[in-house]
Amino acid sequence: MTKRTVLNASDIDRALKRISHEIVEANSGHQDLVILGIPTRGVSLAERLTQNLSTISQGQKVLSGVLDITLFRDDLAQIQRGVKPSIIPVEGIDNKVVIIVDDVLFSGRTIRAALDALAGIGRPRQVKLAVLVDRGHRELPIRPDFVGKNLPTAVAERVFVRLSENDGLDEVVIES
């Protein structure tokens, strides 16, 4: 098995700062934004994006939360993870621009589940997708709006995102 690091801590930080600026530019500011991370690493990335957006907006509060998709997955019978509640800002998501955040976009099935979960919570004005890594091989017609790194991979390869909040270090690794 071969392993190669494709992003280190400074690469990840730079990608998240760029995505943060792209979000502000695409939204003409930070008003009406709600950043929702998909557990597990999407939550950590969403928190970092929220911090960056607060810095860019000179300390103004950016709404953020957690979007648990467990019950909406099409492989629910195969997973062992317990259901954790979504944590949505008190202000809700109705008529807001929601940015769903995940670590790796692959088949698109996780994002489909996220859209289903979101529909049960409220009706946003617009939904956008931010991912740290887009590795291709989509099975569904889903495309991210904000991407840290496009990383063409073979289907048999695996992409691992490790973040200090979850794993003690920041890196993106491909194993084949």
N, C-alpha and C. Protein backbone atom coordinates (compact mmCIF):
# COMPACT_ATOMS: atom_id res chain seq x y z
N MET A 1 0.84 -1.17 0.00
CA MET A 1 0.00 0.00 0.00
C MET A 1 0.89 1.24 0.00
N THR A 2 0.63 2.15 -0.92
CA THR A 2 1.39 3.39 -0.97
C THR A 2 0.55 4.52 -0.40
N LYS A 3 1.25 5.44 0.23
CA LYS A 3 0.61 6.57 0.88
C LYS A 3 1.35 7.83 0.46
N ARG A 4 0.56 8.85 0.03
CA ARG A 4 1.23 10.11 -0.27
C ARG A 4 0.40 11.27 0.25
N THR A 5 1.10 12.21 0.87
CA THR A 5 0.45 13.39 1.42
C THR A 5 0.29 14.41 0.31
N VAL A 6 -0.95 14.88 0.10
CA VAL A 6 -1.22 15.85 -0.97
C VAL A 6 -1.49 17.25 -0.43
N LEU A 7 -1.90 17.36 0.83
CA LEU A 7 -2.06 18.67 1.48
C LEU A 7 -1.52 18.57 2.90
N ASN A 8 -0.74 19.57 3.28
CA ASN A 8 -0.28 19.63 4.66
C ASN A 8 -1.08 20.71 5.40
N ALA A 9 -0.72 20.99 6.63
CA ALA A 9 -1.49 21.93 7.46
C ALA A 9 -1.58 23.32 6.82
N SER A 10 -0.47 23.83 6.30
CA SER A 10 -0.51 25.18 5.70
C SER A 10 -1.32 25.18 4.41
N ASP A 11 -1.29 24.09 3.65
CA ASP A 11 -2.11 23.98 2.43
C ASP A 11 -3.61 24.01 2.78
N ILE A 12 -3.98 23.28 3.83
CA ILE A 12 -5.37 23.24 4.26
C ILE A 12 -5.81 24.62 4.74
N ASP A 13 -4.98 25.26 5.53
CA ASP A 13 -5.31 26.60 6.03
C ASP A 13 -5.48 27.58 4.88
N ARG A 14 -4.59 27.53 3.92
CA ARG A 14 -4.66 28.43 2.75
C ARG A 14 -5.93 28.16 1.94
N ALA A 15 -6.27 26.90 1.74
CA ALA A 15 -7.47 26.54 0.99
C ALA A 15 -8.72 27.05 1.70
N LEU A 16 -8.77 26.90 3.01
CA LEU A 16 -9.95 27.36 3.76
C LEU A 16 -10.07 28.88 3.76
N LYS A 17 -8.95 29.57 3.82
CA LYS A 17 -9.00 31.04 3.73
C LYS A 17 -9.49 31.48 2.36
N ARG A 18 -9.04 30.80 1.31
CA ARG A 18 -9.50 31.14 -0.05
C ARG A 18 -10.99 30.87 -0.19
N ILE A 19 -11.44 29.72 0.31
CA ILE A 19 -12.87 29.39 0.25
C ILE A 19 -13.67 30.45 1.00
N SER A 20 -13.18 30.88 2.16
CA SER A 20 -13.89 31.90 2.95
C SER A 20 -14.06 33.19 2.14
N HIS A 21 -13.01 33.62 1.49
CA HIS A 21 -13.10 34.83 0.66
C HIS A 21 -14.04 34.62 -0.52
N GLU A 22 -14.02 33.43 -1.11
CA GLU A 22 -14.93 33.13 -2.23
C GLU A 22 -16.39 33.16 -1.77
N ILE A 23 -16.65 32.67 -0.56
CA ILE A 23 -18.02 32.68 -0.02
C ILE A 23 -18.49 34.12 0.15
N VAL A 24 -17.65 34.96 0.74
CA VAL A 24 -18.02 36.37 0.94
C VAL A 24 -18.27 37.05 -0.40
N GLU A 25 -17.41 36.79 -1.37
CA GLU A 25 -17.57 37.40 -2.69
C GLU A 25 -18.85 36.91 -3.38
N ALA A 26 -19.12 35.63 -3.33
CA ALA A 26 -20.29 35.06 -3.99
C ALA A 26 -21.59 35.52 -3.34
N ASN A 27 -21.52 35.84 -2.04
CA ASN A 27 -22.72 36.22 -1.29
C ASN A 27 -22.81 37.73 -1.09
N SER A 28 -21.87 38.48 -1.65
CA SER A 28 -21.82 39.94 -1.44
C SER A 28 -21.80 40.27 0.05
N GLY A 29 -21.00 39.55 0.77
CA GLY A 29 -20.88 39.76 2.21
C GLY A 29 -21.20 38.49 2.96
N HIS A 30 -21.51 38.64 4.23
CA HIS A 30 -21.79 37.47 5.06
C HIS A 30 -23.23 37.47 5.59
N GLN A 31 -24.03 38.45 5.22
CA GLN A 31 -25.40 38.53 5.70
C GLN A 31 -26.19 37.31 5.23
N ASP A 32 -27.07 36.85 6.10
CA ASP A 32 -27.98 35.73 5.81
C ASP A 32 -27.25 34.42 5.54
N LEU A 33 -25.99 34.31 5.94
CA LEU A 33 -25.25 33.05 5.77
C LEU A 33 -25.46 32.14 6.97
N VAL A 34 -25.60 30.86 6.70
CA VAL A 34 -25.57 29.83 7.74
C VAL A 34 -24.63 28.74 7.24
N ILE A 35 -23.60 28.44 8.02
CA ILE A 35 -22.61 27.43 7.67
C ILE A 35 -22.94 26.16 8.45
N LEU A 36 -23.21 25.05 7.74
CA LEU A 36 -23.56 23.79 8.39
C LEU A 36 -22.56 22.70 8.00
N GLY A 37 -21.89 22.14 8.99
CA GLY A 37 -20.93 21.08 8.74
C GLY A 37 -21.56 19.71 8.89
N ILE A 38 -21.13 18.79 8.03
CA ILE A 38 -21.57 17.40 8.11
C ILE A 38 -20.57 16.64 8.98
N PRO A 39 -21.05 15.96 10.05
CA PRO A 39 -20.13 15.22 10.90
C PRO A 39 -19.36 14.17 10.11
N THR A 40 -18.13 13.92 10.38
CA THR A 40 -17.39 14.41 11.51
C THR A 40 -16.49 15.58 11.09
N ARG A 41 -15.69 15.39 10.08
CA ARG A 41 -14.71 16.42 9.73
C ARG A 41 -15.32 17.65 9.06
N GLY A 42 -16.48 17.51 8.49
CA GLY A 42 -17.16 18.67 7.92
C GLY A 42 -17.50 19.69 8.99
N VAL A 43 -17.76 19.22 10.21
CA VAL A 43 -18.06 20.13 11.32
C VAL A 43 -16.82 20.94 11.67
N SER A 44 -15.67 20.29 11.75
CA SER A 44 -14.42 20.99 12.05
C SER A 44 -14.09 22.00 10.96
N LEU A 45 -14.27 21.61 9.72
CA LEU A 45 -14.01 22.53 8.61
C LEU A 45 -14.99 23.71 8.64
N ALA A 46 -16.24 23.44 8.96
CA ALA A 46 -17.25 24.51 9.06
C ALA A 46 -16.88 25.50 10.16
N GLU A 47 -16.39 24.99 11.28
CA GLU A 47 -15.97 25.87 12.38
C GLU A 47 -14.81 26.76 11.94
N ARG A 48 -13.87 26.20 11.20
CA ARG A 48 -12.74 27.00 10.72
C ARG A 48 -13.21 28.05 9.72
N LEU A 49 -14.11 27.65 8.82
CA LEU A 49 -14.65 28.62 7.86
C LEU A 49 -15.39 29.73 8.58
N THR A 50 -16.16 29.39 9.59
CA THR A 50 -16.91 30.38 10.36
C THR A 50 -15.95 31.36 11.04
N GLN A 51 -14.86 30.86 11.59
CA GLN A 51 -13.86 31.74 12.20
C GLN A 51 -13.25 32.67 11.16
N ASN A 52 -12.91 32.11 9.99
CA ASN A 52 -12.36 32.94 8.92
C ASN A 52 -13.35 34.01 8.47
N LEU A 53 -14.62 33.61 8.32
CA LEU A 53 -15.64 34.56 7.88
C LEU A 53 -15.85 35.66 8.92
N SER A 54 -15.78 35.32 10.21
CA SER A 54 -15.90 36.34 11.26
C SER A 54 -14.74 37.32 11.21
N THR A 55 -13.55 36.81 10.91
CA THR A 55 -12.38 37.69 10.77
C THR A 55 -12.55 38.62 9.57
N ILE A 56 -12.97 38.05 8.45
CA ILE A 56 -13.17 38.86 7.24
C ILE A 56 -14.25 39.92 7.46
N SER A 57 -15.30 39.56 8.20
CA SER A 57 -16.41 40.49 8.44
C SER A 57 -16.17 41.34 9.68
N GLN A 58 -14.94 41.40 10.13
CA GLN A 58 -14.50 42.23 11.25
C GLN A 58 -15.29 41.96 12.52
N GLY A 59 -15.39 40.67 12.85
CA GLY A 59 -15.96 40.26 14.11
C GLY A 59 -17.46 40.10 14.14
N GLN A 60 -18.16 40.39 13.04
CA GLN A 60 -19.60 40.18 13.03
C GLN A 60 -19.90 38.69 13.06
N LYS A 61 -20.96 38.33 13.76
CA LYS A 61 -21.29 36.92 13.96
C LYS A 61 -21.75 36.26 12.66
N VAL A 62 -21.19 35.09 12.40
CA VAL A 62 -21.62 34.26 11.29
C VAL A 62 -22.29 33.03 11.90
N LEU A 63 -23.51 32.73 11.46
CA LEU A 63 -24.26 31.60 12.02
C LEU A 63 -23.68 30.28 11.53
N SER A 64 -23.59 29.31 12.43
CA SER A 64 -23.08 28.00 12.03
C SER A 64 -23.75 26.92 12.86
N GLY A 65 -23.62 25.69 12.38
CA GLY A 65 -24.21 24.56 13.08
C GLY A 65 -23.76 23.24 12.51
N VAL A 66 -24.48 22.19 12.89
CA VAL A 66 -24.16 20.82 12.51
C VAL A 66 -25.38 20.22 11.81
N LEU A 67 -25.14 19.56 10.69
CA LEU A 67 -26.21 18.90 9.95
C LEU A 67 -25.96 17.40 9.95
N ASP A 68 -26.66 16.68 10.84
CA ASP A 68 -26.49 15.24 10.89
C ASP A 68 -27.35 14.59 9.81
N ILE A 69 -26.74 13.75 9.00
CA ILE A 69 -27.42 13.14 7.85
C ILE A 69 -27.68 11.66 8.03
N THR A 70 -27.36 11.13 9.19
CA THR A 70 -27.39 9.68 9.40
C THR A 70 -28.69 9.03 8.93
N LEU A 71 -29.83 9.56 9.33
CA LEU A 71 -31.10 8.94 8.99
C LEU A 71 -31.48 9.08 7.52
N PHE A 72 -30.74 9.89 6.78
CA PHE A 72 -31.06 10.14 5.37
C PHE A 72 -30.12 9.42 4.42
N ARG A 73 -29.17 8.66 4.96
CA ARG A 73 -28.20 7.94 4.12
C ARG A 73 -28.86 6.75 3.44
N ASP A 74 -28.41 6.44 2.23
CA ASP A 74 -28.96 5.28 1.53
C ASP A 74 -28.26 3.98 1.94
N ASP A 75 -27.25 4.08 2.81
CA ASP A 75 -26.56 2.89 3.32
C ASP A 75 -26.73 2.77 4.83
N LEU A 76 -27.84 3.25 5.34
CA LEU A 76 -28.08 3.29 6.78
C LEU A 76 -27.90 1.93 7.45
N ALA A 77 -28.33 0.87 6.79
CA ALA A 77 -28.22 -0.46 7.37
C ALA A 77 -26.76 -0.91 7.54
N GLN A 78 -25.85 -0.31 6.78
CA GLN A 78 -24.45 -0.74 6.80
C GLN A 78 -23.58 0.03 7.77
N ILE A 79 -24.06 1.17 8.25
CA ILE A 79 -23.19 1.99 9.10
C ILE A 79 -23.44 1.69 10.56
N GLN A 80 -22.44 1.94 11.37
CA GLN A 80 -22.50 1.65 12.79
C GLN A 80 -22.64 2.91 13.64
N ARG A 81 -22.61 4.07 13.01
CA ARG A 81 -22.62 5.33 13.73
C ARG A 81 -24.00 5.62 14.31
N GLY A 82 -24.03 6.15 15.51
CA GLY A 82 -25.29 6.53 16.14
C GLY A 82 -25.78 7.86 15.60
N VAL A 83 -27.05 8.10 15.78
CA VAL A 83 -27.66 9.35 15.33
C VAL A 83 -27.36 10.43 16.35
N LYS A 84 -26.89 11.56 15.87
CA LYS A 84 -26.67 12.73 16.70
C LYS A 84 -27.56 13.83 16.16
N PRO A 85 -28.12 14.64 17.02
CA PRO A 85 -29.03 15.66 16.52
C PRO A 85 -28.30 16.74 15.71
N SER A 86 -29.00 17.26 14.73
CA SER A 86 -28.48 18.43 14.03
C SER A 86 -28.55 19.60 14.99
N ILE A 87 -27.61 20.51 14.88
CA ILE A 87 -27.58 21.71 15.71
C ILE A 87 -27.71 22.90 14.77
N ILE A 88 -28.89 23.46 14.73
CA ILE A 88 -29.19 24.54 13.81
C ILE A 88 -29.26 25.84 14.62
N PRO A 89 -28.72 26.94 14.10
CA PRO A 89 -28.81 28.21 14.83
C PRO A 89 -30.27 28.55 15.16
N VAL A 90 -30.46 29.20 16.30
CA VAL A 90 -31.80 29.57 16.75
C VAL A 90 -32.55 30.35 15.67
N GLU A 91 -31.82 31.14 14.90
CA GLU A 91 -32.43 31.95 13.85
C GLU A 91 -33.00 31.09 12.73
N GLY A 92 -32.59 29.82 12.66
CA GLY A 92 -33.08 28.90 11.64
C GLY A 92 -32.41 29.10 10.29
N ILE A 93 -32.95 28.40 9.28
CA ILE A 93 -32.36 28.47 7.94
C ILE A 93 -33.31 29.04 6.91
N ASP A 94 -34.57 29.31 7.31
CA ASP A 94 -35.54 29.84 6.35
C ASP A 94 -35.04 31.15 5.76
N ASN A 95 -35.08 31.21 4.43
CA ASN A 95 -34.69 32.39 3.66
C ASN A 95 -33.23 32.80 3.87
N LYS A 96 -32.40 31.87 4.27
CA LYS A 96 -30.96 32.11 4.44
C LYS A 96 -30.20 31.43 3.31
N VAL A 97 -28.94 31.81 3.15
CA VAL A 97 -28.04 31.11 2.24
C VAL A 97 -27.28 30.11 3.09
N VAL A 98 -27.54 28.83 2.85
CA VAL A 98 -26.91 27.77 3.63
C VAL A 98 -25.73 27.22 2.85
N ILE A 99 -24.58 27.17 3.52
CA ILE A 99 -23.39 26.54 2.95
C ILE A 99 -23.19 25.22 3.69
N ILE A 100 -23.36 24.11 2.96
CA ILE A 100 -23.09 22.78 3.52
C ILE A 100 -21.60 22.52 3.35
N VAL A 101 -20.95 22.06 4.41
CA VAL A 101 -19.50 21.84 4.40
C VAL A 101 -19.19 20.37 4.66
N ASP A 102 -18.34 19.79 3.81
CA ASP A 102 -17.88 18.41 4.01
C ASP A 102 -16.40 18.33 3.66
N ASP A 103 -15.76 17.25 4.07
CA ASP A 103 -14.33 17.12 3.82
C ASP A 103 -14.03 16.65 2.41
N VAL A 104 -14.64 15.53 1.96
CA VAL A 104 -14.34 14.97 0.65
C VAL A 104 -15.65 14.75 -0.12
N LEU A 105 -15.68 15.20 -1.36
CA LEU A 105 -16.80 14.91 -2.25
C LEU A 105 -16.37 13.81 -3.20
N PHE A 106 -17.13 12.72 -3.19
CA PHE A 106 -16.80 11.55 -4.00
C PHE A 106 -18.01 11.20 -4.86
N SER A 107 -18.88 10.33 -4.42
CA SER A 107 -20.02 9.89 -5.23
C SER A 107 -21.14 10.91 -5.26
N GLY A 108 -21.25 11.73 -4.22
CA GLY A 108 -22.34 12.70 -4.12
C GLY A 108 -23.47 12.22 -3.22
N ARG A 109 -23.40 10.99 -2.76
CA ARG A 109 -24.49 10.43 -1.95
C ARG A 109 -24.61 11.09 -0.58
N THR A 110 -23.51 11.46 0.02
CA THR A 110 -23.55 12.15 1.30
C THR A 110 -24.26 13.49 1.16
N ILE A 111 -23.97 14.20 0.07
CA ILE A 111 -24.59 15.51 -0.13
C ILE A 111 -26.08 15.36 -0.45
N ARG A 112 -26.45 14.31 -1.16
CA ARG A 112 -27.87 14.05 -1.40
C ARG A 112 -28.59 13.87 -0.07
N ALA A 113 -27.98 13.11 0.83
CA ALA A 113 -28.56 12.91 2.16
C ALA A 113 -28.63 14.23 2.92
N ALA A 114 -27.62 15.07 2.77
CA ALA A 114 -27.61 16.37 3.45
C ALA A 114 -28.75 17.25 2.94
N LEU A 115 -28.99 17.23 1.65
CA LEU A 115 -30.10 18.01 1.08
C LEU A 115 -31.44 17.51 1.61
N ASP A 116 -31.59 16.19 1.72
CA ASP A 116 -32.81 15.63 2.29
C ASP A 116 -32.98 16.05 3.74
N ALA A 117 -31.91 15.99 4.52
CA ALA A 117 -31.97 16.39 5.93
C ALA A 117 -32.33 17.87 6.05
N LEU A 118 -31.74 18.68 5.19
CA LEU A 118 -31.99 20.12 5.21
C LEU A 118 -33.45 20.44 4.90
N ALA A 119 -34.03 19.69 3.98
CA ALA A 119 -35.44 19.92 3.60
C ALA A 119 -36.38 19.69 4.78
N GLY A 120 -35.98 18.85 5.71
CA GLY A 120 -36.80 18.60 6.88
C GLY A 120 -36.67 19.65 7.97
N ILE A 121 -35.71 20.54 7.82
CA ILE A 121 -35.44 21.55 8.84
C ILE A 121 -36.05 22.90 8.48
N GLY A 122 -36.03 23.23 7.21
CA GLY A 122 -36.54 24.53 6.79
C GLY A 122 -36.36 24.73 5.30
N ARG A 123 -36.61 25.96 4.88
CA ARG A 123 -36.51 26.27 3.46
C ARG A 123 -35.54 27.43 3.23
N PRO A 124 -34.29 27.09 2.95
CA PRO A 124 -33.31 28.15 2.68
C PRO A 124 -33.58 28.83 1.35
N ARG A 125 -33.11 30.07 1.24
CA ARG A 125 -33.21 30.79 -0.03
C ARG A 125 -32.30 30.15 -1.07
N GLN A 126 -31.15 29.68 -0.62
CA GLN A 126 -30.18 29.07 -1.52
C GLN A 126 -29.30 28.12 -0.72
N VAL A 127 -28.88 27.04 -1.37
CA VAL A 127 -27.97 26.08 -0.74
C VAL A 127 -26.74 25.96 -1.62
N LYS A 128 -25.57 26.07 -0.98
CA LYS A 128 -24.30 25.93 -1.69
C LYS A 128 -23.47 24.88 -0.97
N LEU A 129 -22.48 24.37 -1.67
CA LEU A 129 -21.64 23.30 -1.13
C LEU A 129 -20.18 23.71 -1.14
N ALA A 130 -19.52 23.53 0.01
CA ALA A 130 -18.09 23.77 0.13
C ALA A 130 -17.43 22.46 0.58
N VAL A 131 -16.39 22.05 -0.13
CA VAL A 131 -15.65 20.84 0.24
C VAL A 131 -14.15 21.13 0.23
N LEU A 132 -13.44 20.46 1.09
CA LEU A 132 -11.98 20.61 1.09
C LEU A 132 -11.39 19.91 -0.13
N VAL A 133 -11.89 18.69 -0.43
CA VAL A 133 -11.35 17.91 -1.55
C VAL A 133 -12.48 17.41 -2.43
N ASP A 134 -12.35 17.65 -3.74
CA ASP A 134 -13.25 17.05 -4.73
C ASP A 134 -12.43 16.04 -5.49
N ARG A 135 -12.76 14.76 -5.32
CA ARG A 135 -11.95 13.71 -5.95
C ARG A 135 -12.60 13.12 -7.20
N GLY A 136 -13.78 13.65 -7.60
CA GLY A 136 -14.42 13.16 -8.81
C GLY A 136 -15.20 11.88 -8.58
N HIS A 137 -15.52 11.19 -9.65
CA HIS A 137 -16.24 9.90 -9.63
C HIS A 137 -17.68 10.03 -9.13
N ARG A 138 -18.35 11.11 -9.51
CA ARG A 138 -19.72 11.35 -9.07
C ARG A 138 -20.70 10.32 -9.61
N GLU A 139 -21.62 9.88 -8.77
CA GLU A 139 -22.72 9.00 -9.16
C GLU A 139 -24.02 9.78 -9.28
N LEU A 140 -24.04 10.98 -8.73
CA LEU A 140 -25.21 11.84 -8.75
C LEU A 140 -24.82 13.21 -9.31
N PRO A 141 -25.77 13.95 -9.88
CA PRO A 141 -25.44 15.24 -10.48
C PRO A 141 -25.26 16.34 -9.43
N ILE A 142 -24.19 16.24 -8.68
CA ILE A 142 -23.88 17.19 -7.61
C ILE A 142 -22.51 17.78 -7.88
N ARG A 143 -22.43 19.11 -7.74
CA ARG A 143 -21.17 19.80 -7.99
C ARG A 143 -20.94 20.84 -6.89
N PRO A 144 -19.74 20.92 -6.35
CA PRO A 144 -19.48 21.89 -5.28
C PRO A 144 -19.36 23.31 -5.84
N ASP A 145 -19.72 24.27 -5.00
CA ASP A 145 -19.57 25.68 -5.34
C ASP A 145 -18.20 26.20 -4.93
N PHE A 146 -17.65 25.62 -3.86
CA PHE A 146 -16.36 26.06 -3.32
C PHE A 146 -15.52 24.82 -3.05
N VAL A 147 -14.31 24.78 -3.62
CA VAL A 147 -13.44 23.61 -3.52
C VAL A 147 -12.05 24.04 -3.07
N GLY A 148 -11.53 23.35 -2.06
CA GLY A 148 -10.17 23.61 -1.62
C GLY A 148 -9.15 23.04 -2.59
N LYS A 149 -9.39 21.80 -3.03
CA LYS A 149 -8.44 21.12 -3.93
C LYS A 149 -9.19 20.11 -4.78
N ASN A 150 -9.07 20.23 -6.10
CA ASN A 150 -9.54 19.18 -7.01
C ASN A 150 -8.44 18.13 -7.06
N LEU A 151 -8.80 16.90 -6.76
CA LEU A 151 -7.81 15.85 -6.62
C LEU A 151 -8.24 14.63 -7.42
N PRO A 152 -7.86 14.57 -8.70
CA PRO A 152 -8.24 13.40 -9.50
C PRO A 152 -7.63 12.14 -8.89
N THR A 153 -8.48 11.14 -8.71
CA THR A 153 -8.03 9.89 -8.10
C THR A 153 -8.58 8.72 -8.88
N ALA A 154 -8.00 7.56 -8.66
CA ALA A 154 -8.57 6.33 -9.18
C ALA A 154 -9.66 5.89 -8.21
N VAL A 155 -10.64 5.17 -8.69
CA VAL A 155 -11.74 4.72 -7.83
C VAL A 155 -11.22 3.88 -6.68
N ALA A 156 -10.19 3.08 -6.91
CA ALA A 156 -9.66 2.18 -5.88
C ALA A 156 -8.85 2.93 -4.81
N GLU A 157 -8.42 4.14 -5.09
CA GLU A 157 -7.66 4.91 -4.11
C GLU A 157 -8.59 5.42 -3.01
N ARG A 158 -8.03 5.69 -1.85
CA ARG A 158 -8.79 6.25 -0.74
C ARG A 158 -8.17 7.57 -0.34
N VAL A 159 -9.02 8.54 -0.05
CA VAL A 159 -8.57 9.86 0.39
C VAL A 159 -8.92 10.01 1.86
N PHE A 160 -7.93 10.34 2.67
CA PHE A 160 -8.14 10.54 4.09
C PHE A 160 -7.84 11.99 4.45
N VAL A 161 -8.81 12.65 5.04
CA VAL A 161 -8.60 13.99 5.57
C VAL A 161 -8.43 13.85 7.07
N ARG A 162 -7.33 14.36 7.56
CA ARG A 162 -7.08 14.34 8.99
C ARG A 162 -7.00 15.78 9.47
N LEU A 163 -7.73 16.07 10.53
CA LEU A 163 -7.77 17.42 11.07
C LEU A 163 -7.38 17.39 12.54
N SER A 164 -6.69 18.43 12.99
CA SER A 164 -6.17 18.45 14.36
C SER A 164 -7.27 18.26 15.40
N GLU A 165 -8.47 18.79 15.15
CA GLU A 165 -9.56 18.66 16.11
C GLU A 165 -9.99 17.20 16.30
N ASN A 166 -9.83 16.40 15.27
CA ASN A 166 -10.27 15.00 15.31
C ASN A 166 -9.11 14.01 15.39
N ASP A 167 -8.00 14.35 14.75
CA ASP A 167 -6.92 13.38 14.55
C ASP A 167 -5.56 13.82 15.09
N GLY A 168 -5.46 15.03 15.60
CA GLY A 168 -4.20 15.51 16.14
C GLY A 168 -3.27 16.15 15.15
N LEU A 169 -3.57 16.12 13.85
CA LEU A 169 -2.75 16.79 12.84
C LEU A 169 -3.62 17.10 11.61
N ASP A 170 -3.13 18.03 10.81
CA ASP A 170 -3.82 18.42 9.59
C ASP A 170 -3.07 17.89 8.38
N GLU A 171 -3.76 17.06 7.57
CA GLU A 171 -3.18 16.58 6.33
C GLU A 171 -4.27 15.90 5.50
N VAL A 172 -4.01 15.83 4.21
CA VAL A 172 -4.84 15.04 3.30
C VAL A 172 -3.91 14.05 2.65
N VAL A 173 -4.30 12.76 2.71
CA VAL A 173 -3.45 11.67 2.25
C VAL A 173 -4.23 10.80 1.28
N ILE A 174 -3.52 10.35 0.23
CA ILE A 174 -4.10 9.37 -0.70
C ILE A 174 -3.40 8.04 -0.46
N GLU A 175 -4.20 6.99 -0.30
CA GLU A 175 -3.64 5.64 -0.16
C GLU A 175 -4.14 4.79 -1.30
N SER A 176 -3.22 4.01 -1.89
CA SER A 176 -3.62 3.11 -2.96
C SER A 176 -3.06 1.73 -2.73
